[in-house]
Amino acid sequence: MRIYDCFVGIDWSGARGPYQPGLAVFMAEAGKKAPQRIQPPDGKYWSRKAIIDWLEAVSAKRRVLAGIDFAFAYPVYDDRGGNSRGGNSRGEDRRGVRCGYFPDYADAPQDGPGLWQFIEEINKEAPHLYGGAIWDHPELGAYYNAPAGRRGAKFTSRRRQTEQAARAVKSPSPTFNCVGPAGVGTGSLSGMRLLHHFQPRAEIWPFGNCRTGDKNLTLVEIFPSYYFALAGIKAVRGQHGQLSVLNTALAYFGSEGLADDFHAAGPDFDEADAAISAAALRALAGKPDIWSPGGASKCEGWIFGVK
């Protein structure tokens, strides 16, 4: 079992523009002390580029487990019954079932690194790691439920295996949904561009280059609402942003509470999400079964902590 020096929770945002009020970063040191807010270096808000630079600087000296709140990949199998397994990205499996990240698209990528490069190439002209350029693609836009009423003809509520497993505690939004407060799709697009950047520099779990032990930075997918739900708390209507509620959730993961003067910043109390994620990573990282989800996880990714 690999030992980490610190555990980082990052609440992510895929919105357009350089600086995002929804970006938040908290770090938990080994032990049980409360996670601490990491201040953005450029002023009031973080940028996605600043988060990349900060992760690179910290991991140059320390062994870091960092969780980021977006889907690391898409479902690869769709049997219209909610199951998700491996498959051929270019069309149908031998039973005639649609499968792959983009079913029926001839040039679809075949694995996680290929998907991240694919998303990067389509959005490379968009600054600040924005990923929404794909919605205007003449073929690929059809797979997304995009803003401004652009619900693609091929958009369906396909679910990854990890999302199906998480339903027992808290159900995530479909990864191709880019609309509404729970629309993880926009952040995932910008996040996949980040993963493309880090692919040679970090272990990206649970994809093929992970657990080699030769890199200081390990990146995992997180779902903050899942961690609150494990602690018996519904992260709705801002309840999780209340200090007493947040400290109860932190205690569930063996962490000390935040100070009495703490107030969770962010339009959706994003700092509360980052704080609970850092504590959850620290508590869960020492459980061997968490690291071996199996199934289609090496193609689809997996939410860290979901059994």
Protein backbone atom coordinates (compact mmCIF):
# COMPACT_ATOMS: atom_id res chain seq x y z
CA MET A 1 0.00 0.00 0.00
CA ARG A 2 1.47 3.31 -1.06
CA ILE A 3 1.91 5.96 1.62
CA TYR A 4 1.01 9.56 0.82
CA ASP A 5 2.25 12.69 2.54
CA CYS A 6 -0.91 14.71 1.89
CA PHE A 7 -4.41 14.44 0.47
CA VAL A 8 -5.96 17.12 -1.74
CA GLY A 9 -9.63 17.67 -2.50
CA ILE A 10 -10.42 19.87 -5.52
CA ASP A 11 -13.92 21.03 -6.33
CA TRP A 12 -13.83 21.57 -10.08
CA SER A 13 -15.56 23.81 -12.60
CA GLY A 14 -15.86 23.63 -16.37
CA ALA A 15 -17.24 27.13 -16.86
CA ARG A 16 -15.87 29.45 -19.53
CA GLY A 17 -13.23 32.00 -18.54
CA PRO A 18 -9.88 32.10 -16.72
CA TYR A 19 -10.99 32.42 -13.08
CA GLN A 20 -13.80 30.44 -11.48
CA PRO A 21 -15.51 31.07 -8.12
CA GLY A 22 -16.48 27.38 -8.13
CA LEU A 23 -12.89 26.14 -7.94
CA ALA A 24 -11.77 25.24 -4.42
CA VAL A 25 -8.71 23.43 -3.03
CA PHE A 26 -8.23 21.88 0.43
CA MET A 27 -5.35 19.79 1.71
CA ALA A 28 -5.33 17.26 4.56
CA GLU A 29 -2.02 16.23 6.05
CA ALA A 30 -1.45 12.66 7.20
CA GLY A 31 -3.04 12.15 10.60
CA LYS A 32 -6.34 13.60 11.73
CA LYS A 33 -6.03 17.38 11.65
CA ALA A 34 -8.77 19.25 9.78
CA PRO A 35 -8.15 19.90 6.08
CA GLN A 36 -6.85 23.36 5.35
CA ARG A 37 -7.89 25.84 2.69
CA ILE A 38 -5.29 26.48 -0.01
CA GLN A 39 -5.53 30.06 -1.16
CA PRO A 40 -5.42 30.83 -4.89
CA PRO A 41 -2.10 32.44 -5.85
CA ASP A 42 -3.51 35.10 -8.19
CA GLY A 43 -6.10 36.75 -5.99
CA LYS A 44 -9.68 35.93 -5.11
CA TYR A 45 -10.32 32.94 -7.38
CA TRP A 46 -8.45 29.95 -8.74
CA SER A 47 -7.84 29.35 -12.41
CA ARG A 48 -7.54 25.84 -13.83
CA LYS A 49 -4.00 26.66 -14.96
CA ALA A 50 -3.10 27.77 -11.43
CA ILE A 51 -4.38 24.45 -10.05
CA ILE A 52 -2.14 22.58 -12.52
CA ASP A 53 0.86 24.67 -11.50
CA TRP A 54 0.13 24.20 -7.79
CA LEU A 55 -0.22 20.42 -8.09
CA GLU A 56 3.04 20.21 -10.00
CA ALA A 57 4.84 22.32 -7.40
CA VAL A 58 3.56 20.36 -4.40
CA SER A 59 4.17 16.95 -5.97
CA ALA A 60 7.72 17.93 -6.88
CA LYS A 61 8.54 17.57 -3.18
CA ARG A 62 5.78 15.42 -1.66
CA ARG A 63 3.73 12.30 -2.40
CA VAL A 64 0.25 13.62 -3.17
CA LEU A 65 -3.10 11.89 -3.56
CA ALA A 66 -5.37 14.45 -5.25
CA GLY A 67 -9.06 13.96 -5.94
CA ILE A 68 -10.86 16.13 -8.51
CA ASP A 69 -14.62 16.38 -8.92
CA PHE A 70 -15.33 15.40 -12.53
CA ALA A 71 -15.86 12.19 -14.51
CA PHE A 72 -12.51 10.90 -15.77
CA ALA A 73 -14.10 9.04 -18.72
CA TYR A 74 -17.40 8.04 -20.34
CA PRO A 75 -19.41 4.81 -20.29
CA VAL A 76 -18.21 2.21 -22.76
CA TYR A 77 -21.24 -0.07 -22.95
CA ASP A 78 -24.96 0.51 -23.33
CA ASP A 79 -27.53 -2.30 -23.32
CA ARG A 80 -30.49 0.04 -22.65
CA GLY A 81 -30.90 -1.69 -19.31
CA GLY A 82 -28.35 0.36 -17.41
CA ASN A 83 -25.45 -2.11 -17.54
CA SER A 84 -21.94 -0.98 -18.44
CA ARG A 85 -19.15 -3.27 -19.60
CA GLY A 86 -16.24 -3.22 -21.98
CA GLY A 87 -16.82 -3.01 -25.71
CA ASN A 88 -15.66 -1.94 -29.13
CA SER A 89 -15.66 1.85 -29.33
CA ARG A 90 -16.57 1.82 -33.00
CA GLY A 91 -20.00 0.27 -32.92
CA GLU A 92 -21.56 -2.92 -31.61
CA ASP A 93 -20.38 -5.99 -29.74
CA ARG A 94 -21.13 -9.51 -30.92
CA ARG A 95 -24.61 -9.36 -29.39
CA GLY A 96 -25.49 -6.25 -31.38
CA VAL A 97 -25.37 -3.95 -28.35
CA ARG A 98 -24.20 -0.34 -28.78
CA CYS A 99 -20.90 0.19 -27.03
CA GLY A 100 -17.97 2.58 -26.76
CA TYR A 101 -17.51 6.13 -25.56
CA PHE A 102 -19.27 7.41 -28.69
CA PRO A 103 -21.32 4.55 -30.16
CA ASP A 104 -21.51 4.57 -33.98
CA TYR A 105 -18.75 7.19 -34.32
CA ALA A 106 -16.08 5.71 -36.58
CA ASP A 107 -13.02 7.44 -35.11
CA ALA A 108 -13.88 7.04 -31.42
CA PRO A 109 -10.96 6.65 -28.97
CA GLN A 110 -10.35 3.24 -27.42
CA ASP A 111 -9.09 4.00 -23.90
CA GLY A 112 -8.77 6.71 -21.26
CA PRO A 113 -5.55 8.37 -22.52
CA GLY A 114 -6.92 8.23 -26.06
CA LEU A 115 -10.16 9.87 -24.91
CA TRP A 116 -8.31 12.68 -23.11
CA GLN A 117 -6.18 13.38 -26.19
CA PHE A 118 -9.31 13.26 -28.37
CA ILE A 119 -11.09 15.84 -26.19
CA GLU A 120 -7.97 18.02 -26.09
CA GLU A 121 -7.63 18.05 -29.88
CA ILE A 122 -11.26 19.02 -30.42
CA ASN A 123 -11.09 21.85 -27.86
CA LYS A 124 -7.48 22.95 -28.37
CA GLU A 125 -8.44 26.39 -29.67
CA ALA A 126 -10.55 27.08 -26.56
CA PRO A 127 -8.51 28.88 -23.87
CA HIS A 128 -8.33 28.10 -20.16
CA LEU A 129 -9.00 24.35 -20.60
CA TYR A 130 -12.58 25.03 -21.61
CA GLY A 131 -14.16 21.96 -23.21
CA GLY A 132 -17.47 23.19 -24.62
CA ALA A 133 -16.23 23.49 -28.20
CA ILE A 134 -17.18 19.85 -28.71
CA TRP A 135 -20.87 20.75 -28.56
CA ASP A 136 -20.49 22.43 -31.94
CA HIS A 137 -18.85 19.41 -33.55
CA PRO A 138 -21.00 18.27 -36.51
CA GLU A 139 -21.13 14.66 -35.26
CA LEU A 140 -20.02 14.53 -31.64
CA GLY A 141 -22.34 17.30 -30.45
CA ALA A 142 -25.22 14.86 -30.87
CA TYR A 143 -24.06 12.84 -27.85
CA TYR A 144 -24.43 15.69 -25.34
CA ASN A 145 -27.21 17.48 -23.52
CA ALA A 146 -25.64 20.92 -23.94
CA PRO A 147 -26.65 24.42 -22.80
CA ALA A 148 -28.98 26.68 -24.80
CA GLY A 149 -31.41 23.86 -25.51
CA ARG A 150 -28.94 21.75 -27.49
CA ARG A 151 -30.04 18.27 -26.52
CA GLY A 152 -28.33 15.98 -29.02
CA ALA A 153 -30.24 13.28 -30.86
CA LYS A 154 -27.87 10.61 -29.48
CA PHE A 155 -27.94 11.82 -25.88
CA THR A 156 -29.14 9.15 -23.44
CA SER A 157 -28.69 8.69 -19.69
CA ARG A 158 -25.92 6.14 -20.10
CA ARG A 159 -24.22 5.26 -16.83
CA ARG A 160 -20.76 3.98 -16.02
CA GLN A 161 -20.36 0.99 -13.73
CA THR A 162 -19.17 3.24 -10.92
CA GLU A 163 -22.32 5.39 -11.21
CA GLN A 164 -24.50 2.30 -11.01
CA ALA A 165 -22.62 1.11 -7.93
CA ALA A 166 -22.83 4.57 -6.31
CA ARG A 167 -26.65 4.58 -6.58
CA ALA A 168 -26.91 2.59 -3.36
CA VAL A 169 -25.61 5.67 -1.54
CA LYS A 170 -25.89 8.66 -3.92
CA SER A 171 -26.61 8.67 -7.66
CA PRO A 172 -24.35 10.83 -9.87
CA SER A 173 -25.50 12.69 -12.95
CA PRO A 174 -24.90 11.10 -16.40
CA THR A 175 -21.53 12.12 -17.79
CA PHE A 176 -22.90 13.47 -21.09
CA ASN A 177 -25.27 15.84 -19.28
CA CYS A 178 -23.88 19.39 -19.39
CA VAL A 179 -26.97 21.24 -18.13
CA GLY A 180 -28.09 22.20 -14.63
CA PRO A 181 -26.41 22.23 -11.21
CA ALA A 182 -25.76 18.47 -11.30
CA GLY A 183 -24.52 18.52 -14.91
CA VAL A 184 -21.08 16.97 -14.50
CA GLY A 185 -20.45 16.94 -18.26
CA THR A 186 -19.04 20.46 -18.67
CA GLY A 187 -16.52 20.05 -15.88
CA SER A 188 -15.59 16.61 -17.18
CA LEU A 189 -14.70 18.03 -20.60
CA SER A 190 -12.32 20.59 -19.12
CA GLY A 191 -11.11 17.96 -16.67
CA MET A 192 -10.19 15.54 -19.44
CA ARG A 193 -8.00 18.26 -20.89
CA LEU A 194 -6.29 18.46 -17.50
CA LEU A 195 -5.81 14.67 -17.48
CA HIS A 196 -4.26 14.87 -20.95
CA HIS A 197 -1.76 17.39 -19.56
CA PHE A 198 -0.92 15.18 -16.56
CA GLN A 199 -0.94 11.82 -18.36
CA PRO A 200 2.85 11.52 -18.56
CA ARG A 201 3.42 13.22 -15.20
CA ALA A 202 0.99 11.50 -12.81
CA GLU A 203 -0.59 8.18 -11.99
CA ILE A 204 -4.21 8.54 -13.09
CA TRP A 205 -6.28 5.94 -11.26
CA PRO A 206 -7.57 3.39 -12.20
CA PHE A 207 -6.24 3.64 -15.75
CA GLY A 208 -3.29 1.73 -17.13
CA ASN A 209 -0.43 3.91 -15.91
CA CYS A 210 -1.49 3.85 -12.25
CA ARG A 211 0.17 2.25 -9.22
CA THR A 212 3.60 2.06 -10.82
CA GLY A 213 5.01 3.86 -7.81
CA ASP A 214 7.42 6.08 -9.74
CA LYS A 215 5.39 9.30 -9.67
CA ASN A 216 4.68 11.53 -6.69
CA LEU A 217 1.23 12.60 -7.88
CA THR A 218 -1.78 10.29 -8.06
CA LEU A 219 -5.04 11.70 -9.45
CA VAL A 220 -8.40 10.10 -8.61
CA GLU A 221 -12.01 10.96 -9.39
CA ILE A 222 -14.14 12.14 -6.47
CA PHE A 223 -17.83 12.77 -5.85
CA PRO A 224 -18.19 15.01 -2.77
CA SER A 225 -21.93 14.43 -2.37
CA TYR A 226 -21.20 10.71 -2.10
CA TYR A 227 -18.87 11.32 0.85
CA PHE A 228 -21.47 13.46 2.60
CA ALA A 229 -24.05 10.74 1.95
CA LEU A 230 -21.77 8.12 3.51
CA ALA A 231 -21.79 10.29 6.62
CA GLY A 232 -25.60 10.40 6.55
CA ILE A 233 -25.83 13.96 5.24
CA LYS A 234 -27.76 15.15 2.20
CA ALA A 235 -25.71 17.77 0.38
CA VAL A 236 -28.76 19.74 -0.80
CA ARG A 237 -29.97 23.32 -0.32
CA GLY A 238 -26.64 24.29 1.19
CA GLN A 239 -27.00 22.10 4.27
CA HIS A 240 -23.50 20.68 3.82
CA GLY A 241 -22.08 24.21 3.93
CA GLN A 242 -23.15 24.72 7.54
CA LEU A 243 -20.12 24.41 9.81
CA SER A 244 -21.76 22.05 12.30
CA VAL A 245 -22.92 19.73 9.51
CA LEU A 246 -19.55 19.82 7.75
CA ASN A 247 -17.73 19.04 10.98
CA THR A 248 -20.04 16.09 11.59
CA ALA A 249 -19.13 14.74 8.17
CA LEU A 250 -15.42 15.32 8.80
CA ALA A 251 -15.68 13.40 12.07
CA TYR A 252 -17.17 10.45 10.18
CA PHE A 253 -13.90 10.25 8.24
CA GLY A 254 -11.79 10.51 11.42
CA SER A 255 -10.93 14.16 10.98
CA GLU A 256 -10.86 17.01 13.43
CA GLY A 257 -13.33 19.80 12.74
CA LEU A 258 -12.75 23.16 11.13
CA ALA A 259 -12.42 26.29 13.25
CA ASP A 260 -15.47 28.15 14.52
CA ASP A 261 -14.84 31.09 12.18
CA PHE A 262 -14.81 28.94 9.03
CA HIS A 263 -17.30 29.83 6.30
CA ALA A 264 -17.50 27.70 3.15
CA ALA A 265 -17.01 29.96 0.11
CA GLY A 266 -18.19 29.31 -3.41
CA PRO A 267 -21.53 29.61 -5.21
CA ASP A 268 -22.48 26.07 -4.10
CA PHE A 269 -20.45 25.98 -0.90
CA ASP A 270 -17.64 24.53 -3.01
CA GLU A 271 -15.11 24.76 -0.20
CA ALA A 272 -17.20 22.35 1.87
CA ASP A 273 -17.00 19.85 -0.99
CA ALA A 274 -13.23 20.24 -1.26
CA ALA A 275 -12.76 19.89 2.51
CA ILE A 276 -14.83 16.71 2.89
CA SER A 277 -13.12 15.20 -0.15
CA ALA A 278 -9.65 15.75 1.30
CA ALA A 279 -10.69 14.08 4.56
CA ALA A 280 -12.41 11.21 2.74
CA LEU A 281 -9.32 10.56 0.59
CA ARG A 282 -7.16 10.37 3.69
CA ALA A 283 -9.53 7.92 5.38
CA LEU A 284 -10.15 5.71 2.34
CA ALA A 285 -6.65 5.54 0.87
CA GLY A 286 -5.54 2.99 3.45
CA LYS A 287 -8.23 0.46 2.48
CA PRO A 288 -6.79 -2.03 -0.07
CA ASP A 289 -10.17 -2.98 -1.55
CA ILE A 290 -10.82 0.63 -2.56
CA TRP A 291 -7.96 0.46 -5.05
CA SER A 292 -9.25 -2.56 -7.00
CA PRO A 293 -12.74 -1.87 -8.38
CA GLY A 294 -12.44 -4.20 -11.40
CA GLY A 295 -15.06 -4.39 -14.14
CA ALA A 296 -14.82 -1.72 -16.80
CA SER A 297 -13.00 0.71 -14.49
CA LYS A 298 -9.79 0.79 -16.56
CA CYS A 299 -11.84 2.15 -19.49
CA GLU A 300 -14.55 4.12 -17.67
CA GLY A 301 -12.75 5.30 -14.55
CA TRP A 302 -14.09 4.94 -11.03
CA ILE A 303 -15.24 7.25 -8.24
CA PHE A 304 -12.74 6.81 -5.41
CA GLY A 305 -14.41 5.15 -2.45
CA VAL A 306 -17.38 3.60 -4.26
CA LYS A 307 -17.57 -0.12 -3.60
